[in-house]
Amino acid sequence: MQRLFRYLCCAAVFAAVSLRAESYVIADHQTGRILEERGGNHKSQIASLTKLALAMVALDWSDLRKGNLDETAVVPECAISTTGGINPLGLQAGDVLTLRDLLFACLLASDNVSAVTLADHLGRSLPNPTGLDPVGNTVSQMNALARQLGMKRTLFLNPHGLDAPEGQAQPYSTPADVARLLRYGYSKPGLAFYVDQPSREIHVQRGGSSISLQISNTNKLLGNDGIDGGKTGRTTLAGECIALTSKKTPEVRREGDTVFTTPRRILVVLLGSDNREQEGRSLIQRGWAAYQEWAARGRPAKASNSL
C-alpha cells in the first residue's frame, strides 16, 4: 500500500508539469513496451535525430565489412553547398577526416557538413543498383533500415535532417519510429560509445597539416537521472527535438540456485518542443515512475502497446 501511495504521489507531481511538446514516447528498451506517449505515431520533422539512422548505416556497414573506422574520407564540395551555410566546425572541401571522427562530429556536434561527407563516402561503397548519387544512395540505405525496423511512418530525404526548401517534400518520422531506431542502436555495442561522451577531440587533415578540433556534445542532459546517451535536433519546422536513454542498476533476484538479472533502461523521444532539455528530463523522470509501476505489476506484455 505504501508503494502504491508513493507511486501515485509521483504521478501527481509529474502530471503537474506542463509539456508543450508536439509529441513524445517513453518506452522500455528491453521489451519495447510503451510506458507513456502522446502522438507517438504523429508524423513530423525530426531534425538531426536523422543522424542516428546515418550512424547506424555506417556502423552496420563497418561491421559487415569488418572495416576500420580509421579509414579516411574527403569533404566533398556538395557537403558545403547543400547545408545552407551552416558550418560551425569550419570544414572545407578537400579536408580529410577519419570515419570515426566524422561519426563523432555527426553525433556529438550534430555537424551537417560531416553528415554529408560521411554519406558521400559510404554511398560510394554501398550497393547501388539504381545508380543514385553517393549521398542519395546512403539515404536509400537509411530508408531500407527504417523498413527493416518497422518504421512505417518514416521517410528520410537527406542524411542530416535539415528542412527541405519551401515547396519541396519534407522528411518525416514519428516518436515511436525514432524510438525503434534508438532501441536498435542500443542493441549493438557501437552507438553507445559515440553518444555517451561529453566532448571529444577530432582531427582534420588540411593541406598537409593536422588541425585538432575540440567538439562538445549537444546533449546537455548527460549524467542527469541516469541519462547516458541520445541525440538532439533543431530546425524551424521540427522545433526542438531530443532522443534520450537512461539506465539504472539491473534488478537481481534469486530463485533457489538461479539468479535472474533484468536490465533497466528506458528510451524517450520528444519532438516539436520549445525546451527540449527541461521537457526531456521531465519525461525521463515520468518514465522511471511509469516503469516502476509497470515492473511492480510483473511487466505485463502487450504487443499492441509495444514498439
Foldseek 3Di string as FASTA:
>chain_A
DVLVVVLVVLLVVLVVDDFPFPWKWKAWLPFQFTLDIDQQFPKFFFFQLLLLLLVVLVVVVCVVVVHDQQDKFFQAPCLCVVPVNDAVVPDDGGKMFGNVVLNLCCFFVVGSSSQQRSQQVVQVVDDDVPPDHSQQSSQVVSVVVLVVLVQPNWHDDGRRREADPPPDDGTIGGNSSSSSSVSVVVVDDPPLVRFQDQKDWTWIQDPNDIDIDITGGPQPCRPPQQWRGWGWGDDPGWHTKIKTKGWDAWDWDDDVPDIDTGTTMMIMITIRGNCCNVVVNSVSSVSVSSVVVCVVVVVDDDVVRGD
